[in-house]
Amino acid sequence: MVRIRLRRVGLKKQPSYRIVVADQESPRNGAYIEVIGFYNPRTQPATVDIKEDRALYWLSVGAQPSEGVVGLLKGNGTLERLERLRKGEAMEALVNEAAAIAAKRPAVSGKTRQAAPATK
């Protein structure tokens, strides 16, 4: 079974995540099929960048999102657009709508809300 899940990247105690499509059997940071997004919980507000067309494609062919990814997709509005895609709306219209919504979002500062851990 194919899953959409988070893959941890970043330094020790400074996590950020890639949203990847991977086989259910592969390890967390193991092989993956495709990177479809990025999530950084350390910025204020958290940065979520998802390739809407690829996410809708993988969800439409049966990929199952993990619990964490479900929360990100709900917050992004992707799951609502998936339901509309299943009812017959055109993929291009849904992707254009998502791009318009993303353009209206305020810019996220690259600064994190917490400092990097001190080294000894």
Protein backbone atom coordinates (compact mmCIF):
# COMPACT_ATOMS: atom_id res chain seq x y z
CA MET A 1 0.00 0.00 0.00
CA VAL A 2 1.22 3.50 -0.80
CA ARG A 3 1.22 6.08 2.02
CA ILE A 4 1.62 9.84 2.11
CA ARG A 5 3.67 10.60 5.19
CA LEU A 6 6.23 12.88 6.78
CA ARG A 7 9.95 12.30 6.35
CA ARG A 8 12.10 14.05 8.91
CA VAL A 9 14.98 16.23 7.72
CA GLY A 10 17.00 18.94 9.43
CA LEU A 11 19.53 19.09 12.21
CA LYS A 12 19.32 17.50 15.62
CA LYS A 13 16.57 19.18 17.68
CA GLN A 14 15.65 21.34 14.66
CA PRO A 15 13.13 19.23 12.74
CA SER A 16 11.52 20.03 9.46
CA TYR A 17 9.69 17.52 7.31
CA ARG A 18 9.20 16.58 3.69
CA ILE A 19 5.81 15.25 2.70
CA VAL A 20 6.56 12.14 0.67
CA VAL A 21 4.72 9.34 -1.09
CA ALA A 22 6.28 6.05 -0.03
CA ASP A 23 5.55 2.37 0.22
CA GLN A 24 4.09 1.46 3.59
CA GLU A 25 6.89 -1.04 4.23
CA SER A 26 9.79 1.41 3.77
CA PRO A 27 11.35 3.00 6.88
CA ARG A 28 10.57 6.59 7.93
CA ASN A 29 13.65 8.06 6.28
CA GLY A 30 14.07 5.28 3.72
CA ALA A 31 13.14 5.04 0.06
CA TYR A 32 10.25 7.09 -1.27
CA ILE A 33 8.45 7.47 -4.57
CA GLU A 34 8.01 11.25 -4.76
CA VAL A 35 8.35 14.39 -2.64
CA ILE A 36 5.08 16.35 -2.79
CA GLY A 37 5.61 18.99 -0.14
CA PHE A 38 7.41 20.52 2.81
CA TYR A 39 6.42 21.25 6.41
CA ASN A 40 8.37 23.34 8.92
CA PRO A 41 6.70 23.53 12.35
CA ARG A 42 9.41 25.80 13.77
CA THR A 43 8.46 28.97 11.88
CA GLN A 44 5.79 31.36 13.07
CA PRO A 45 3.24 30.40 11.67
CA ALA A 46 4.22 26.90 10.56
CA THR A 47 5.25 26.63 6.91
CA VAL A 48 3.25 24.17 4.81
CA ASP A 49 3.97 23.93 1.09
CA ILE A 50 2.19 21.14 -0.80
CA LYS A 51 2.18 20.48 -4.56
CA GLU A 52 -1.59 20.41 -4.89
CA ASP A 53 -1.74 18.63 -8.24
CA ARG A 54 0.50 15.77 -7.10
CA ALA A 55 -1.28 15.42 -3.76
CA LEU A 56 -4.67 15.20 -5.49
CA TYR A 57 -3.30 12.70 -7.99
CA TRP A 58 -1.89 10.36 -5.33
CA LEU A 59 -5.01 10.62 -3.17
CA SER A 60 -7.23 9.91 -6.17
CA VAL A 61 -5.32 6.72 -7.04
CA GLY A 62 -5.63 5.38 -3.50
CA ALA A 63 -2.64 6.58 -1.46
CA GLN A 64 -3.50 6.72 2.25
CA PRO A 65 -2.28 9.76 4.23
CA SER A 66 -0.83 9.32 7.72
CA GLU A 67 -2.50 11.03 10.69
CA GLY A 68 -0.07 13.94 10.65
CA VAL A 69 -0.50 14.49 6.93
CA VAL A 70 -4.31 14.37 7.25
CA GLY A 71 -4.10 17.37 9.58
CA LEU A 72 -1.91 19.27 7.14
CA LEU A 73 -4.16 18.43 4.18
CA LYS A 74 -7.28 19.51 6.08
CA GLY A 75 -5.67 22.80 7.06
CA ASN A 76 -4.61 23.36 3.46
CA GLY A 77 -8.06 22.51 2.06
CA THR A 78 -6.77 19.65 -0.07
CA LEU A 79 -9.18 17.04 1.30
CA GLU A 80 -12.18 19.23 0.44
CA ARG A 81 -10.85 19.66 -3.09
CA LEU A 82 -10.36 15.89 -3.31
CA GLU A 83 -14.06 15.36 -2.59
CA ARG A 84 -14.95 17.88 -5.29
CA LEU A 85 -12.58 16.09 -7.70
CA ARG A 86 -14.37 12.82 -7.01
CA LYS A 87 -17.71 14.50 -7.74
CA GLY A 88 -16.47 15.48 -11.19
CA GLU A 89 -14.83 18.90 -11.04
CA ALA A 90 -11.81 19.46 -13.28
CA MET A 91 -8.35 18.99 -11.76
CA GLU A 92 -7.05 22.20 -13.39
CA ALA A 93 -9.76 24.31 -11.79
CA LEU A 94 -9.03 22.87 -8.36
CA VAL A 95 -5.27 23.38 -8.72
CA ASN A 96 -5.78 26.97 -9.88
CA GLU A 97 -8.05 27.59 -6.88
CA ALA A 98 -5.40 26.23 -4.53
CA ALA A 99 -2.73 28.42 -6.14
CA ALA A 100 -4.93 31.50 -5.73
CA ILE A 101 -5.50 30.70 -2.05
CA ALA A 102 -1.77 30.13 -1.50
CA ALA A 103 -0.95 33.48 -3.13
CA LYS A 104 -3.28 35.29 -0.69
CA ARG A 105 -1.60 33.81 2.39
CA PRO A 106 0.73 36.14 4.27
CA ALA A 107 4.43 35.55 3.79
CA VAL A 108 6.03 33.33 6.41
CA SER A 109 9.18 34.59 8.04
CA GLY A 110 12.18 32.30 7.74
CA LYS A 111 12.96 32.93 11.41
CA THR A 112 12.05 30.18 13.78
CA ARG A 113 10.12 30.76 16.95
CA GLN A 114 12.80 29.09 19.04
CA ALA A 115 16.53 29.46 18.97
CA ALA A 116 18.80 26.67 17.86
CA PRO A 117 20.02 24.51 20.71
CA ALA A 118 23.23 25.67 22.36
CA THR A 119 26.30 23.58 21.75
CA LYS A 120 28.74 22.67 24.49
